[in-house]
Amino acid sequence: MQQPKPICKAFCRYINTVADNLPKVGDIVELLPTNQRNRQLRSQERKHIWEVLTVDTPIYLKGDLGFMIKHLGSDHTRWVTADDIKITQFRENREDVY
């Protein structure tokens, strides 16, 4: 039986870099103005900063990776994709976590 070819080291570094850049539970993120609803939340309701509650693949996103986020300062939650948010503070750097 033939041995499978080893995966390229550069590819492994790329995959690890992509995974490291994804938000994790507890990270603080900024909601980006990628669609009309996000722009409305940012401009009319001043909801820019959110906390990641869950990372999952909800039916709502047709199996794509999604993030349940909660607005800091209210109980408003919503599902978003990785393209809709940007990490502003990692969980490991938050003082209120420990």
N, C-alpha and C. Protein backbone atom coordinates (compact mmCIF):
# COMPACT_ATOMS: atom_id res chain seq x y z
N MET A 1 0.84 -1.18 0.00
CA MET A 1 0.00 0.00 0.00
C MET A 1 0.89 1.24 0.00
N GLN A 2 0.51 2.20 -0.79
CA GLN A 2 1.29 3.42 -0.94
C GLN A 2 0.99 4.39 0.21
N GLN A 3 2.05 4.98 0.74
CA GLN A 3 1.90 5.95 1.84
C GLN A 3 1.33 7.26 1.30
N PRO A 4 0.41 7.90 2.04
CA PRO A 4 -0.10 9.21 1.61
C PRO A 4 1.01 10.25 1.65
N LYS A 5 0.92 11.21 0.74
CA LYS A 5 1.92 12.28 0.68
C LYS A 5 1.77 13.20 1.89
N PRO A 6 2.88 13.63 2.48
CA PRO A 6 2.76 14.56 3.61
C PRO A 6 2.20 15.91 3.16
N ILE A 7 1.47 16.53 4.04
CA ILE A 7 0.90 17.84 3.73
C ILE A 7 2.02 18.88 3.75
N CYS A 8 1.94 19.79 2.84
CA CYS A 8 2.94 20.85 2.73
C CYS A 8 2.98 21.68 4.00
N LYS A 9 4.16 22.00 4.48
CA LYS A 9 4.31 22.80 5.70
C LYS A 9 3.69 24.18 5.56
N ALA A 10 3.83 24.76 4.37
CA ALA A 10 3.25 26.10 4.15
C ALA A 10 1.74 26.05 4.27
N PHE A 11 1.12 24.97 3.77
CA PHE A 11 -0.33 24.85 3.87
C PHE A 11 -0.75 24.74 5.34
N CYS A 12 -0.01 23.94 6.12
CA CYS A 12 -0.32 23.80 7.55
C CYS A 12 -0.20 25.14 8.26
N ARG A 13 0.82 25.92 7.94
CA ARG A 13 0.97 27.24 8.56
C ARG A 13 -0.21 28.13 8.18
N TYR A 14 -0.67 28.04 6.91
CA TYR A 14 -1.80 28.84 6.45
C TYR A 14 -3.07 28.47 7.23
N ILE A 15 -3.34 27.18 7.36
CA ILE A 15 -4.54 26.73 8.07
C ILE A 15 -4.50 27.19 9.53
N ASN A 16 -3.36 27.07 10.19
CA ASN A 16 -3.24 27.51 11.58
C ASN A 16 -3.43 29.01 11.70
N THR A 17 -2.94 29.79 10.75
CA THR A 17 -3.10 31.24 10.77
C THR A 17 -4.57 31.61 10.63
N VAL A 18 -5.27 30.96 9.71
CA VAL A 18 -6.70 31.23 9.51
C VAL A 18 -7.48 30.90 10.77
N ALA A 19 -7.20 29.75 11.37
CA ALA A 19 -7.92 29.34 12.58
C ALA A 19 -7.62 30.28 13.74
N ASP A 20 -6.40 30.78 13.84
CA ASP A 20 -6.04 31.70 14.92
C ASP A 20 -6.76 33.03 14.79
N ASN A 21 -7.14 33.42 13.57
CA ASN A 21 -7.79 34.71 13.35
C ASN A 21 -9.30 34.66 13.55
N LEU A 22 -9.87 33.47 13.74
CA LEU A 22 -11.30 33.37 13.96
C LEU A 22 -11.63 33.70 15.41
N PRO A 23 -12.72 34.41 15.64
CA PRO A 23 -13.13 34.72 17.01
C PRO A 23 -13.46 33.46 17.80
N LYS A 24 -13.22 33.51 19.08
CA LYS A 24 -13.53 32.42 20.00
C LYS A 24 -14.51 32.94 21.05
N VAL A 25 -15.15 32.01 21.76
CA VAL A 25 -16.10 32.39 22.81
C VAL A 25 -15.40 33.29 23.82
N GLY A 26 -16.02 34.42 24.12
CA GLY A 26 -15.47 35.37 25.08
C GLY A 26 -14.74 36.53 24.45
N ASP A 27 -14.40 36.43 23.16
CA ASP A 27 -13.73 37.55 22.49
C ASP A 27 -14.69 38.72 22.32
N ILE A 28 -14.16 39.91 22.35
CA ILE A 28 -14.93 41.12 22.08
C ILE A 28 -14.70 41.48 20.61
N VAL A 29 -15.80 41.71 19.88
CA VAL A 29 -15.72 41.96 18.45
C VAL A 29 -16.47 43.23 18.09
N GLU A 30 -16.10 43.79 16.96
CA GLU A 30 -16.81 44.95 16.41
C GLU A 30 -17.68 44.46 15.27
N LEU A 31 -18.94 44.88 15.26
CA LEU A 31 -19.85 44.55 14.17
C LEU A 31 -19.53 45.45 12.98
N LEU A 32 -19.20 44.86 11.85
CA LEU A 32 -18.82 45.63 10.66
C LEU A 32 -20.06 45.95 9.82
N PRO A 33 -20.04 47.06 9.09
CA PRO A 33 -21.20 47.47 8.28
C PRO A 33 -21.27 46.73 6.95
N THR A 34 -21.39 45.39 6.99
CA THR A 34 -21.36 44.58 5.78
C THR A 34 -22.72 44.43 5.10
N ASN A 35 -23.80 44.70 5.82
CA ASN A 35 -25.14 44.63 5.22
C ASN A 35 -26.03 45.71 5.85
N GLN A 36 -27.25 45.82 5.34
CA GLN A 36 -28.15 46.89 5.78
C GLN A 36 -28.46 46.80 7.27
N ARG A 37 -28.73 45.59 7.77
CA ARG A 37 -29.08 45.44 9.18
C ARG A 37 -27.90 45.82 10.08
N ASN A 38 -26.70 45.41 9.72
CA ASN A 38 -25.52 45.78 10.51
C ASN A 38 -25.30 47.29 10.51
N ARG A 39 -25.49 47.90 9.36
CA ARG A 39 -25.35 49.37 9.29
C ARG A 39 -26.40 50.06 10.16
N GLN A 40 -27.62 49.52 10.17
CA GLN A 40 -28.68 50.09 10.99
C GLN A 40 -28.36 49.94 12.48
N LEU A 41 -27.88 48.78 12.89
CA LEU A 41 -27.53 48.58 14.30
C LEU A 41 -26.42 49.52 14.72
N ARG A 42 -25.46 49.75 13.84
CA ARG A 42 -24.33 50.63 14.17
C ARG A 42 -24.76 52.09 14.22
N SER A 43 -25.52 52.54 13.23
CA SER A 43 -25.81 53.97 13.15
C SER A 43 -26.99 54.40 14.04
N GLN A 44 -28.09 53.68 13.99
CA GLN A 44 -29.28 54.11 14.73
C GLN A 44 -29.24 53.68 16.19
N GLU A 45 -28.74 52.47 16.45
CA GLU A 45 -28.78 51.95 17.82
C GLU A 45 -27.43 52.00 18.51
N ARG A 46 -26.41 52.46 17.79
CA ARG A 46 -25.06 52.61 18.37
C ARG A 46 -24.53 51.29 18.94
N LYS A 47 -24.81 50.19 18.26
CA LYS A 47 -24.37 48.88 18.74
C LYS A 47 -23.16 48.43 17.91
N HIS A 48 -21.99 48.86 18.33
CA HIS A 48 -20.75 48.54 17.63
C HIS A 48 -20.03 47.35 18.26
N ILE A 49 -19.98 47.29 19.58
CA ILE A 49 -19.14 46.33 20.30
C ILE A 49 -19.98 45.20 20.87
N TRP A 50 -19.57 43.95 20.58
CA TRP A 50 -20.32 42.76 20.96
C TRP A 50 -19.36 41.73 21.56
N GLU A 51 -19.92 40.74 22.26
CA GLU A 51 -19.15 39.63 22.81
C GLU A 51 -19.59 38.33 22.14
N VAL A 52 -18.65 37.47 21.78
CA VAL A 52 -18.97 36.18 21.17
C VAL A 52 -19.46 35.22 22.26
N LEU A 53 -20.69 34.69 22.08
CA LEU A 53 -21.26 33.75 23.04
C LEU A 53 -21.08 32.30 22.61
N THR A 54 -21.27 32.02 21.31
CA THR A 54 -21.25 30.67 20.79
C THR A 54 -20.63 30.65 19.40
N VAL A 55 -19.92 29.58 19.09
CA VAL A 55 -19.42 29.34 17.74
C VAL A 55 -20.04 28.02 17.29
N ASP A 56 -20.78 28.05 16.17
CA ASP A 56 -21.51 26.86 15.74
C ASP A 56 -21.83 26.96 14.25
N THR A 57 -22.54 25.97 13.73
CA THR A 57 -22.99 25.99 12.34
C THR A 57 -24.52 25.93 12.33
N PRO A 58 -25.18 27.08 12.54
CA PRO A 58 -26.64 27.08 12.64
C PRO A 58 -27.31 26.86 11.28
N ILE A 59 -28.53 26.35 11.32
CA ILE A 59 -29.31 26.14 10.10
C ILE A 59 -29.50 27.47 9.37
N TYR A 60 -29.67 28.53 10.14
CA TYR A 60 -29.88 29.87 9.59
C TYR A 60 -28.79 30.25 8.59
N LEU A 61 -27.54 29.80 8.83
CA LEU A 61 -26.42 30.12 7.94
C LEU A 61 -26.12 28.98 6.97
N LYS A 62 -27.06 28.05 6.81
CA LYS A 62 -26.96 26.93 5.86
C LYS A 62 -25.70 26.09 6.07
N GLY A 63 -25.35 25.88 7.34
CA GLY A 63 -24.21 25.03 7.66
C GLY A 63 -22.87 25.73 7.70
N ASP A 64 -22.82 27.01 7.35
CA ASP A 64 -21.57 27.77 7.44
C ASP A 64 -21.28 28.08 8.91
N LEU A 65 -20.01 28.33 9.19
CA LEU A 65 -19.61 28.67 10.55
C LEU A 65 -20.20 30.02 10.94
N GLY A 66 -20.83 30.06 12.10
CA GLY A 66 -21.45 31.30 12.56
C GLY A 66 -21.09 31.59 14.00
N PHE A 67 -21.35 32.81 14.40
CA PHE A 67 -21.02 33.28 15.75
C PHE A 67 -22.25 33.94 16.34
N MET A 68 -22.68 33.45 17.51
CA MET A 68 -23.76 34.11 18.25
C MET A 68 -23.10 35.20 19.07
N ILE A 69 -23.49 36.44 18.82
CA ILE A 69 -22.88 37.56 19.53
C ILE A 69 -23.94 38.29 20.35
N LYS A 70 -23.49 38.92 21.44
CA LYS A 70 -24.37 39.67 22.33
C LYS A 70 -23.81 41.07 22.49
N HIS A 71 -24.67 42.05 22.31
CA HIS A 71 -24.24 43.44 22.46
C HIS A 71 -23.87 43.73 23.90
N LEU A 72 -22.73 44.38 24.09
CA LEU A 72 -22.33 44.79 25.44
C LEU A 72 -23.19 45.98 25.84
N GLY A 73 -23.91 45.86 26.92
CA GLY A 73 -24.77 46.94 27.38
C GLY A 73 -26.25 46.67 27.15
N SER A 74 -26.57 45.54 26.50
CA SER A 74 -27.98 45.16 26.33
C SER A 74 -28.06 43.65 26.22
N ASP A 75 -29.28 43.15 26.06
CA ASP A 75 -29.49 41.70 25.92
C ASP A 75 -29.67 41.29 24.46
N HIS A 76 -29.38 42.17 23.53
CA HIS A 76 -29.57 41.91 22.11
C HIS A 76 -28.53 40.89 21.63
N THR A 77 -29.02 39.79 21.02
CA THR A 77 -28.12 38.78 20.44
C THR A 77 -28.48 38.57 18.98
N ARG A 78 -27.50 38.06 18.22
CA ARG A 78 -27.74 37.75 16.81
C ARG A 78 -26.65 36.84 16.28
N TRP A 79 -26.97 36.10 15.22
CA TRP A 79 -25.99 35.26 14.53
C TRP A 79 -25.34 36.07 13.42
N VAL A 80 -24.02 35.92 13.29
CA VAL A 80 -23.29 36.58 12.21
C VAL A 80 -22.23 35.61 11.67
N THR A 81 -21.69 35.95 10.51
CA THR A 81 -20.59 35.18 9.94
C THR A 81 -19.27 35.85 10.30
N ALA A 82 -18.18 35.18 10.00
CA ALA A 82 -16.85 35.73 10.30
C ALA A 82 -16.61 37.03 9.53
N ASP A 83 -17.24 37.20 8.37
CA ASP A 83 -17.06 38.41 7.57
C ASP A 83 -17.75 39.62 8.19
N ASP A 84 -18.69 39.39 9.10
CA ASP A 84 -19.46 40.49 9.70
C ASP A 84 -18.81 41.09 10.95
N ILE A 85 -17.76 40.45 11.46
CA ILE A 85 -17.16 40.91 12.71
C ILE A 85 -15.64 40.97 12.62
N LYS A 86 -15.08 41.80 13.50
CA LYS A 86 -13.62 41.94 13.61
C LYS A 86 -13.26 41.91 15.09
N ILE A 87 -12.26 41.11 15.44
CA ILE A 87 -11.86 40.99 16.84
C ILE A 87 -11.23 42.31 17.29
N THR A 88 -11.71 42.82 18.43
CA THR A 88 -11.10 44.03 19.00
C THR A 88 -10.34 43.71 20.28
N GLN A 89 -10.76 42.64 20.97
CA GLN A 89 -10.07 42.25 22.21
C GLN A 89 -10.22 40.74 22.39
N PHE A 90 -9.08 40.05 22.51
CA PHE A 90 -9.10 38.61 22.71
C PHE A 90 -9.51 38.28 24.14
N ARG A 91 -10.17 37.15 24.32
CA ARG A 91 -10.61 36.71 25.64
C ARG A 91 -9.46 36.65 26.61
N GLU A 92 -8.30 36.18 26.15
CA GLU A 92 -7.14 36.03 27.02
C GLU A 92 -6.64 37.35 27.57
N ASN A 93 -6.97 38.46 26.89
CA ASN A 93 -6.51 39.78 27.31
C ASN A 93 -7.51 40.54 28.15
N ARG A 94 -8.69 39.95 28.39
CA ARG A 94 -9.72 40.62 29.17
C ARG A 94 -9.46 40.43 30.66
N GLU A 95 -9.58 41.50 31.42
CA GLU A 95 -9.36 41.44 32.86
C GLU A 95 -10.53 40.81 33.60
N ASP A 96 -11.75 40.94 33.07
CA ASP A 96 -12.92 40.46 33.78
C ASP A 96 -13.14 38.95 33.62
N VAL A 97 -12.31 38.27 32.85
CA VAL A 97 -12.47 36.83 32.62
C VAL A 97 -11.89 36.03 33.77
N TYR A 98 -10.82 36.50 34.36
CA TYR A 98 -10.11 35.71 35.36
C TYR A 98 -10.64 35.90 36.75
